[in-house]
Amino acid sequence: MKQQPNISWPGPDTSISIMWLYIVILMVSWRLVLRFFNNNIQRHKHQSIVDAQHINKTLLTDKIELCANCGKEGSNMNTCNKCKAVKYCNASCKKKHRSKHKKQCERCVAELHEEALFREPLPQYGVRAAELHDGALFKEPPPECGDCPICFLRLPLDSGHRYRTCCGKMICSGCCYADVYDNHGNIIVTKKCPFCRTPDPTSSEDIIKGLKKRMEVGDAYAFGMMGSYYSGGHYGLPHDSAKAIELWRKAGKYGYANLGNAYYSGDGVERDEKMAKHCLELAAMGGITAARCNLGIIEDKAGNYDRALKHFMIAVRAGYTRSVKCIQQLYMDGHATKDHYANALRAHQVYINEIKSDQRDKAAAFIDSYRYY
């Protein structure tokens, strides 16, 4: 028979050792479990912070917008091209909402334009285009005609200067009236340009021929004058409003004032007061004082007396005499103060002192067309 193995139970000392071994294993296992849970908690906290930062960044950069037509939420939506104030989810919604939004859009555009027109320019601003337009419109313009290239005095407006088609120079009435001498000091009997010594044109054909030569070299003032001749049918040219409009467009600032008047009266083009005002503003920013005065008259008729006064004062400082009378009328009607009228008179006197000369006074006394104030 096989012998059974001799199995003996552990003694007291062995039982104690095993118990302590179990305790140590439990403690180590518990510490591992705690460490595992702590790591998970820290990882979840970090992930929550990262997610929160990402959500905040997304909310800041991708703003939720609503379609003005259907109310659908979204981002990077289509914007109204005129007022930039309402959003649409697509072009179809923009087209459907156009009839409802039209009046509000026009009112918003008018308010933005008025704010840009009369707001003081700031060193830093958000709406760059509006602020730049405001700064350009109400910036004090340089003299419209500059200085005479012969006597170097400021050129008077209107009848106080002459445009020479031979050299393209603006010559003051005093220098045009003065005698022209040759190299030996003898007076030249034949009338010649006091600047380039070219004989004066003697016929309408010579005047038109000289203007065309100036137009060939890109003289903007020549384009403006030729447009005026076509508009009035002067110097043998036919009355052609369409041709005049075309030439005025090419004349830049020297044609914008006439374009504005044409759009305002409907002469040669469809009557459009908005386009007329836009052209006059372009001319005024270019330094054309007659356009500035016309802007003031338009604002005066509309009852915007503060705006009219601003335009008139700029025109007065530039030497436009008619604007002084306009400010006087505003004062008599109670829409301007006595100080405004006094400032206009002082500014006009400063202009007179700058353009006044003995030679110009002699020319004005000799012929009325040379009167310059």
Protein backbone atom coordinates (compact mmCIF):
# COMPACT_ATOMS: atom_id res chain seq x y z
CA MET A 1 0.00 0.00 0.00
CA LYS A 2 1.11 3.54 -0.75
CA GLN A 3 2.01 5.64 2.16
CA GLN A 4 -0.02 8.85 2.64
CA PRO A 5 2.01 12.09 2.62
CA ASN A 6 2.73 13.51 5.97
CA ILE A 7 0.74 16.76 6.17
CA SER A 8 1.33 19.03 9.12
CA TRP A 9 -0.44 22.32 9.99
CA PRO A 10 1.67 25.42 10.44
CA GLY A 11 2.65 26.34 13.87
CA PRO A 12 1.86 29.54 15.76
CA ASP A 13 4.98 31.41 14.55
CA THR A 14 4.29 30.54 10.93
CA SER A 15 0.66 31.79 11.20
CA ILE A 16 1.80 35.15 12.53
CA SER A 17 4.27 35.58 9.68
CA ILE A 18 1.65 34.81 7.09
CA MET A 19 -0.76 37.28 8.69
CA TRP A 20 1.83 40.04 8.55
CA LEU A 21 2.52 39.20 4.94
CA TYR A 22 -1.18 39.58 4.14
CA ILE A 23 -1.26 42.94 5.94
CA VAL A 24 1.75 44.25 3.99
CA ILE A 25 0.24 43.08 0.69
CA LEU A 26 -3.06 44.84 1.55
CA MET A 27 -1.30 48.10 2.45
CA VAL A 28 0.75 48.08 -0.75
CA SER A 29 -2.34 47.28 -2.81
CA TRP A 30 -4.31 50.09 -1.11
CA ARG A 31 -1.56 52.63 -1.84
CA LEU A 32 -1.47 51.56 -5.47
CA VAL A 33 -5.23 51.93 -5.72
CA LEU A 34 -5.13 55.40 -4.14
CA ARG A 35 -2.34 56.46 -6.48
CA PHE A 36 -4.30 55.21 -9.48
CA PHE A 37 -7.43 57.16 -8.49
CA ASN A 38 -5.43 60.31 -7.73
CA ASN A 39 -3.80 60.21 -11.16
CA ASN A 40 -7.18 59.80 -12.83
CA ILE A 41 -8.64 62.70 -10.89
CA GLN A 42 -5.73 65.00 -11.78
CA ARG A 43 -5.94 64.00 -15.43
CA HIS A 44 -9.67 64.69 -15.54
CA LYS A 45 -9.18 68.10 -13.89
CA HIS A 46 -6.53 69.07 -16.44
CA GLN A 47 -8.72 67.93 -19.31
CA SER A 48 -11.65 69.96 -17.94
CA ILE A 49 -9.50 73.11 -17.79
CA VAL A 50 -8.27 72.58 -21.34
CA ASP A 51 -11.83 71.99 -22.57
CA ALA A 52 -13.08 75.13 -20.80
CA GLN A 53 -10.31 77.23 -22.33
CA HIS A 54 -11.09 75.83 -25.75
CA ILE A 55 -14.80 76.56 -25.34
CA ASN A 56 -14.13 80.15 -24.22
CA LYS A 57 -11.76 80.70 -27.12
CA THR A 58 -14.31 79.31 -29.54
CA LEU A 59 -17.06 81.54 -28.17
CA LEU A 60 -14.85 84.60 -28.51
CA THR A 61 -13.66 83.90 -32.04
CA ASP A 62 -16.76 82.26 -33.52
CA LYS A 63 -19.65 84.43 -32.39
CA ILE A 64 -23.09 82.99 -32.83
CA GLU A 65 -25.07 85.06 -35.35
CA LEU A 66 -28.73 85.04 -36.32
CA CYS A 67 -30.15 85.28 -39.82
CA ALA A 68 -32.37 88.39 -40.11
CA ASN A 69 -34.81 86.50 -42.34
CA CYS A 70 -35.22 82.97 -40.93
CA GLY A 71 -33.59 83.33 -37.48
CA LYS A 72 -31.16 80.45 -38.05
CA GLU A 73 -27.98 80.50 -35.94
CA GLY A 74 -24.55 80.29 -37.51
CA SER A 75 -21.17 81.91 -38.00
CA ASN A 76 -19.42 83.53 -40.97
CA MET A 77 -22.79 84.59 -42.38
CA ASN A 78 -23.48 86.92 -45.30
CA THR A 79 -23.64 90.63 -44.44
CA CYS A 80 -25.77 93.41 -45.95
CA ASN A 81 -23.51 95.12 -48.48
CA LYS A 82 -24.72 98.65 -47.66
CA CYS A 83 -25.30 99.02 -43.92
CA LYS A 84 -23.18 96.07 -42.70
CA ALA A 85 -25.62 95.76 -39.78
CA VAL A 86 -27.65 92.59 -40.46
CA LYS A 87 -26.63 89.00 -41.24
CA TYR A 88 -28.08 86.32 -43.50
CA CYS A 89 -27.39 82.60 -43.65
CA ASN A 90 -27.35 82.61 -47.47
CA ALA A 91 -28.04 84.73 -50.53
CA SER A 92 -31.62 83.45 -50.78
CA CYS A 93 -32.51 84.82 -47.33
CA LYS A 94 -30.86 88.11 -48.19
CA LYS A 95 -33.00 88.43 -51.32
CA LYS A 96 -36.25 87.52 -49.50
CA HIS A 97 -35.57 90.05 -46.71
CA ARG A 98 -34.58 92.90 -49.04
CA SER A 99 -38.02 94.54 -49.24
CA LYS A 100 -38.44 94.55 -45.44
CA HIS A 101 -34.90 95.76 -44.77
CA LYS A 102 -34.71 98.48 -47.47
CA LYS A 103 -35.97 101.46 -45.42
CA GLN A 104 -33.98 100.51 -42.33
CA CYS A 105 -30.88 100.02 -44.48
CA GLU A 106 -31.19 103.46 -46.11
CA ARG A 107 -31.73 105.11 -42.73
CA CYS A 108 -28.69 103.35 -41.25
CA VAL A 109 -26.49 104.29 -44.20
CA ALA A 110 -27.60 107.94 -43.95
CA GLU A 111 -26.81 108.03 -40.22
CA LEU A 112 -23.38 106.51 -40.76
CA HIS A 113 -22.61 108.95 -43.56
CA GLU A 114 -23.69 111.94 -41.47
CA GLU A 115 -21.57 110.76 -38.56
CA ALA A 116 -18.58 110.30 -40.85
CA LEU A 117 -19.13 113.70 -42.46
CA PHE A 118 -19.11 115.84 -39.32
CA ARG A 119 -17.28 113.79 -36.68
CA GLU A 120 -13.97 115.14 -35.41
CA PRO A 121 -11.11 112.90 -36.58
CA LEU A 122 -9.55 110.81 -33.78
CA PRO A 123 -5.98 109.49 -33.62
CA GLN A 124 -7.24 105.93 -33.30
CA TYR A 125 -10.63 104.66 -34.40
CA GLY A 126 -12.48 101.55 -35.34
CA VAL A 127 -14.33 102.41 -38.52
CA ARG A 128 -11.35 103.46 -40.60
CA ALA A 129 -13.19 104.28 -43.81
CA ALA A 130 -15.73 106.58 -42.14
CA GLU A 131 -13.10 108.40 -40.11
CA LEU A 132 -10.79 108.88 -43.08
CA HIS A 133 -13.67 110.30 -45.11
CA ASP A 134 -14.48 112.71 -42.31
CA GLY A 135 -10.87 113.79 -41.96
CA ALA A 136 -10.49 114.35 -45.71
CA LEU A 137 -13.79 116.25 -46.05
CA PHE A 138 -13.21 118.75 -43.23
CA LYS A 139 -9.47 119.06 -43.50
CA GLU A 140 -8.56 122.63 -44.37
CA PRO A 141 -7.89 122.43 -48.15
CA PRO A 142 -4.94 124.17 -49.84
CA PRO A 143 -5.66 127.24 -52.00
CA GLU A 144 -7.73 126.20 -55.00
CA CYS A 145 -5.44 127.85 -57.57
CA GLY A 146 -2.14 128.08 -55.68
CA ASP A 147 0.23 131.01 -56.28
CA CYS A 148 0.91 133.00 -59.42
CA PRO A 149 4.10 131.65 -61.05
CA ILE A 150 5.26 135.22 -61.86
CA CYS A 151 4.56 137.43 -58.83
CA PHE A 152 4.32 134.48 -56.37
CA LEU A 153 1.26 135.93 -54.64
CA ARG A 154 -1.79 133.87 -53.85
CA LEU A 155 -4.09 133.67 -56.86
CA PRO A 156 -7.57 135.18 -56.46
CA LEU A 157 -10.62 133.11 -57.28
CA ASP A 158 -12.96 133.55 -60.24
CA SER A 159 -12.04 136.60 -62.35
CA GLY A 160 -8.74 137.25 -60.58
CA HIS A 161 -6.74 134.83 -62.75
CA ARG A 162 -6.49 133.51 -66.29
CA TYR A 163 -5.71 130.01 -67.53
CA ARG A 164 -3.15 129.95 -70.35
CA THR A 165 -3.71 127.17 -72.87
CA CYS A 166 -0.18 127.63 -74.24
CA CYS A 167 1.68 126.55 -71.07
CA GLY A 168 -1.14 125.42 -68.77
CA LYS A 169 -0.30 128.06 -66.12
CA MET A 170 -2.66 130.11 -63.96
CA ILE A 171 -1.61 133.77 -64.22
CA CYS A 172 -3.06 136.47 -61.97
CA SER A 173 -4.90 139.44 -63.50
CA GLY A 174 -2.13 141.84 -62.48
CA CYS A 175 0.55 139.93 -64.36
CA CYS A 176 -1.76 139.48 -67.38
CA TYR A 177 -2.33 143.24 -67.48
CA ALA A 178 1.31 144.19 -66.99
CA ASP A 179 3.48 144.98 -70.00
CA VAL A 180 5.63 142.21 -71.42
CA TYR A 181 9.23 143.13 -72.27
CA ASP A 182 11.72 141.51 -74.60
CA ASN A 183 15.37 140.72 -73.80
CA HIS A 184 16.41 144.31 -74.63
CA GLY A 185 13.88 145.91 -72.29
CA ASN A 186 11.49 147.00 -75.02
CA ILE A 187 7.74 146.63 -74.57
CA ILE A 188 6.29 143.89 -76.77
CA VAL A 189 3.30 145.30 -78.58
CA THR A 190 1.89 141.96 -79.66
CA LYS A 191 0.04 140.39 -76.76
CA LYS A 192 1.88 137.34 -75.51
CA CYS A 193 1.70 134.99 -72.55
CA PRO A 194 3.57 136.68 -69.68
CA PHE A 195 5.04 133.31 -68.68
CA CYS A 196 6.06 131.47 -71.88
CA ARG A 197 5.92 134.40 -74.38
CA THR A 198 3.61 132.51 -76.73
CA PRO A 199 1.31 134.83 -78.73
CA ASP A 200 -2.25 134.97 -77.45
CA PRO A 201 -4.89 133.07 -79.48
CA THR A 202 -6.74 135.32 -81.87
CA SER A 203 -9.73 133.12 -82.75
CA SER A 204 -12.05 130.48 -81.30
CA GLU A 205 -10.25 127.83 -83.35
CA ASP A 206 -6.94 128.78 -81.74
CA ILE A 207 -8.45 128.53 -78.24
CA ILE A 208 -9.94 125.08 -78.88
CA LYS A 209 -6.72 123.92 -80.54
CA GLY A 210 -4.70 125.03 -77.51
CA LEU A 211 -7.08 123.23 -75.13
CA LYS A 212 -6.84 120.03 -77.14
CA LYS A 213 -3.04 120.15 -76.90
CA ARG A 214 -3.29 120.50 -73.13
CA MET A 215 -5.71 117.57 -73.02
CA GLU A 216 -3.24 115.43 -74.96
CA VAL A 217 -0.69 115.86 -72.14
CA GLY A 218 -3.31 114.99 -69.49
CA ASP A 219 -4.10 118.47 -68.14
CA ALA A 220 -7.16 117.94 -65.92
CA TYR A 221 -8.12 121.62 -65.92
CA ALA A 222 -8.22 121.58 -69.74
CA PHE A 223 -10.67 118.66 -69.65
CA GLY A 224 -12.89 120.62 -67.27
CA MET A 225 -12.84 123.76 -69.43
CA MET A 226 -13.59 121.80 -72.61
CA GLY A 227 -16.55 120.18 -70.85
CA SER A 228 -17.87 123.61 -69.88
CA TYR A 229 -17.51 124.82 -73.48
CA TYR A 230 -19.53 121.84 -74.75
CA SER A 231 -22.13 122.38 -72.02
CA GLY A 232 -22.62 126.03 -72.99
CA GLY A 233 -21.90 125.75 -76.71
CA HIS A 234 -19.03 128.27 -76.56
CA TYR A 235 -16.25 129.01 -79.10
CA GLY A 236 -18.08 127.41 -81.99
CA LEU A 237 -18.64 124.05 -80.26
CA PRO A 238 -22.11 122.45 -80.39
CA HIS A 239 -24.19 122.18 -77.25
CA ASP A 240 -23.59 118.58 -76.17
CA SER A 241 -24.42 117.68 -72.55
CA ALA A 242 -23.37 114.04 -72.95
CA LYS A 243 -19.92 115.09 -74.22
CA ALA A 244 -19.64 117.59 -71.38
CA ILE A 245 -20.41 114.89 -68.79
CA GLU A 246 -17.76 112.61 -70.32
CA LEU A 247 -15.11 115.34 -70.19
CA TRP A 248 -16.01 116.36 -66.64
CA ARG A 249 -15.53 112.78 -65.46
CA LYS A 250 -12.01 112.86 -66.87
CA ALA A 251 -11.27 116.23 -65.26
CA GLY A 252 -11.14 114.87 -61.71
CA LYS A 253 -11.66 117.53 -59.05
CA TYR A 254 -12.04 120.23 -61.72
CA GLY A 255 -15.08 118.41 -63.12
CA TYR A 256 -16.77 117.03 -59.99
CA ALA A 257 -18.45 120.34 -59.16
CA ASN A 258 -20.02 120.60 -62.62
CA LEU A 259 -21.01 116.93 -62.43
CA GLY A 260 -22.71 117.55 -59.10
CA ASN A 261 -24.65 120.49 -60.54
CA ALA A 262 -25.65 118.39 -63.56
CA TYR A 263 -26.95 115.56 -61.39
CA TYR A 264 -28.78 118.02 -59.15
CA SER A 265 -30.55 119.75 -62.05
CA GLY A 266 -30.84 116.69 -64.31
CA ASP A 267 -28.92 118.36 -67.16
CA GLY A 268 -27.59 115.63 -69.45
CA VAL A 269 -28.08 112.90 -66.83
CA GLU A 270 -30.94 111.49 -64.80
CA ARG A 271 -31.62 113.67 -61.77
CA ASP A 272 -30.05 112.12 -58.69
CA GLU A 273 -29.60 114.23 -55.55
CA LYS A 274 -27.51 111.57 -53.79
CA MET A 275 -25.08 111.38 -56.69
CA ALA A 276 -25.01 115.17 -56.88
CA LYS A 277 -24.04 115.45 -53.24
CA HIS A 278 -21.41 112.74 -53.63
CA CYS A 279 -19.78 114.58 -56.57
CA LEU A 280 -19.86 117.89 -54.70
CA GLU A 281 -18.18 116.28 -51.69
CA LEU A 282 -15.41 114.92 -53.92
CA ALA A 283 -14.90 118.38 -55.39
CA ALA A 284 -14.93 120.02 -51.95
CA MET A 285 -12.30 117.59 -50.66
CA GLY A 286 -10.20 118.54 -53.70
CA GLY A 287 -10.33 122.21 -52.68
CA ILE A 288 -13.04 123.50 -55.07
CA THR A 289 -14.68 126.26 -53.04
CA ALA A 290 -17.77 126.64 -55.25
CA ALA A 291 -18.64 122.99 -54.59
CA ARG A 292 -18.16 123.54 -50.86
CA CYS A 293 -20.57 126.49 -50.96
CA ASN A 294 -23.12 124.46 -52.94
CA LEU A 295 -22.96 121.74 -50.28
CA GLY A 296 -23.76 124.38 -47.68
CA ILE A 297 -26.72 125.62 -49.73
CA ILE A 298 -28.08 122.07 -50.04
CA GLU A 299 -27.81 121.55 -46.28
CA ASP A 300 -29.40 124.96 -45.66
CA LYS A 301 -32.42 124.06 -47.80
CA ALA A 302 -32.72 120.76 -45.94
CA GLY A 303 -32.79 122.58 -42.60
CA ASN A 304 -29.39 121.27 -41.47
CA TYR A 305 -28.06 124.68 -40.46
CA ASP A 306 -25.12 123.46 -38.39
CA ARG A 307 -23.81 121.43 -41.30
CA ALA A 308 -24.40 124.31 -43.70
CA LEU A 309 -22.46 126.68 -41.44
CA LYS A 310 -19.45 124.34 -41.35
CA HIS A 311 -19.30 124.20 -45.14
CA PHE A 312 -19.73 127.97 -45.50
CA MET A 313 -16.94 128.73 -43.01
CA ILE A 314 -14.46 126.50 -44.85
CA ALA A 315 -15.40 128.19 -48.13
CA VAL A 316 -14.94 131.65 -46.58
CA ARG A 317 -11.45 130.82 -45.37
CA ALA A 318 -10.66 129.64 -48.91
CA GLY A 319 -11.74 133.02 -50.30
CA TYR A 320 -15.25 132.37 -51.64
CA THR A 321 -17.08 135.70 -51.20
CA ARG A 322 -20.55 134.26 -51.77
CA SER A 323 -20.22 132.15 -48.60
CA VAL A 324 -19.92 135.35 -46.52
CA LYS A 325 -23.33 136.42 -47.81
CA CYS A 326 -24.73 132.96 -47.05
CA ILE A 327 -23.52 133.18 -43.44
CA GLN A 328 -24.99 136.67 -43.22
CA GLN A 329 -28.34 135.29 -44.32
CA LEU A 330 -28.10 132.50 -41.73
CA TYR A 331 -27.42 135.15 -39.08
CA MET A 332 -30.39 137.27 -40.20
CA ASP A 333 -32.65 134.19 -40.10
CA GLY A 334 -31.48 133.31 -36.59
CA HIS A 335 -29.61 130.14 -37.56
CA ALA A 336 -26.12 131.54 -36.87
CA THR A 337 -24.74 133.70 -34.10
CA LYS A 338 -23.14 137.12 -34.29
CA ASP A 339 -19.76 135.55 -33.53
CA HIS A 340 -20.11 133.24 -36.52
CA TYR A 341 -20.74 136.17 -38.82
CA ALA A 342 -17.88 138.18 -37.28
CA ASN A 343 -15.48 135.25 -37.71
CA ALA A 344 -16.52 134.95 -41.34
CA LEU A 345 -15.82 138.63 -41.97
CA ARG A 346 -12.40 138.41 -40.32
CA ALA A 347 -11.48 135.28 -42.29
CA HIS A 348 -12.50 136.96 -45.54
CA GLN A 349 -10.39 140.00 -44.71
CA VAL A 350 -7.37 137.75 -44.15
CA TYR A 351 -7.91 136.32 -47.63
CA ILE A 352 -8.17 139.82 -49.16
CA ASN A 353 -4.90 140.84 -47.53
CA GLU A 354 -3.16 137.80 -49.01
CA ILE A 355 -4.27 138.41 -52.61
CA LYS A 356 -4.18 142.21 -52.74
CA SER A 357 -1.45 143.98 -54.76
CA ASP A 358 -0.99 147.32 -56.52
CA GLN A 359 -0.58 145.71 -59.94
CA ARG A 360 -3.83 143.77 -59.54
CA ASP A 361 -5.62 146.95 -58.43
CA LYS A 362 -4.42 148.70 -61.60
CA ALA A 363 -5.72 145.83 -63.72
CA ALA A 364 -9.09 145.89 -61.92
CA ALA A 365 -9.37 149.67 -62.46
CA PHE A 366 -8.56 149.26 -66.16
CA ILE A 367 -11.16 146.59 -66.97
CA ASP A 368 -14.03 145.13 -64.93
CA SER A 369 -13.22 141.54 -65.94
CA TYR A 370 -9.99 141.83 -63.92
CA ARG A 371 -11.78 142.69 -60.65
CA TYR A 372 -10.76 140.11 -58.12
CA TYR A 373 -12.75 140.98 -54.95
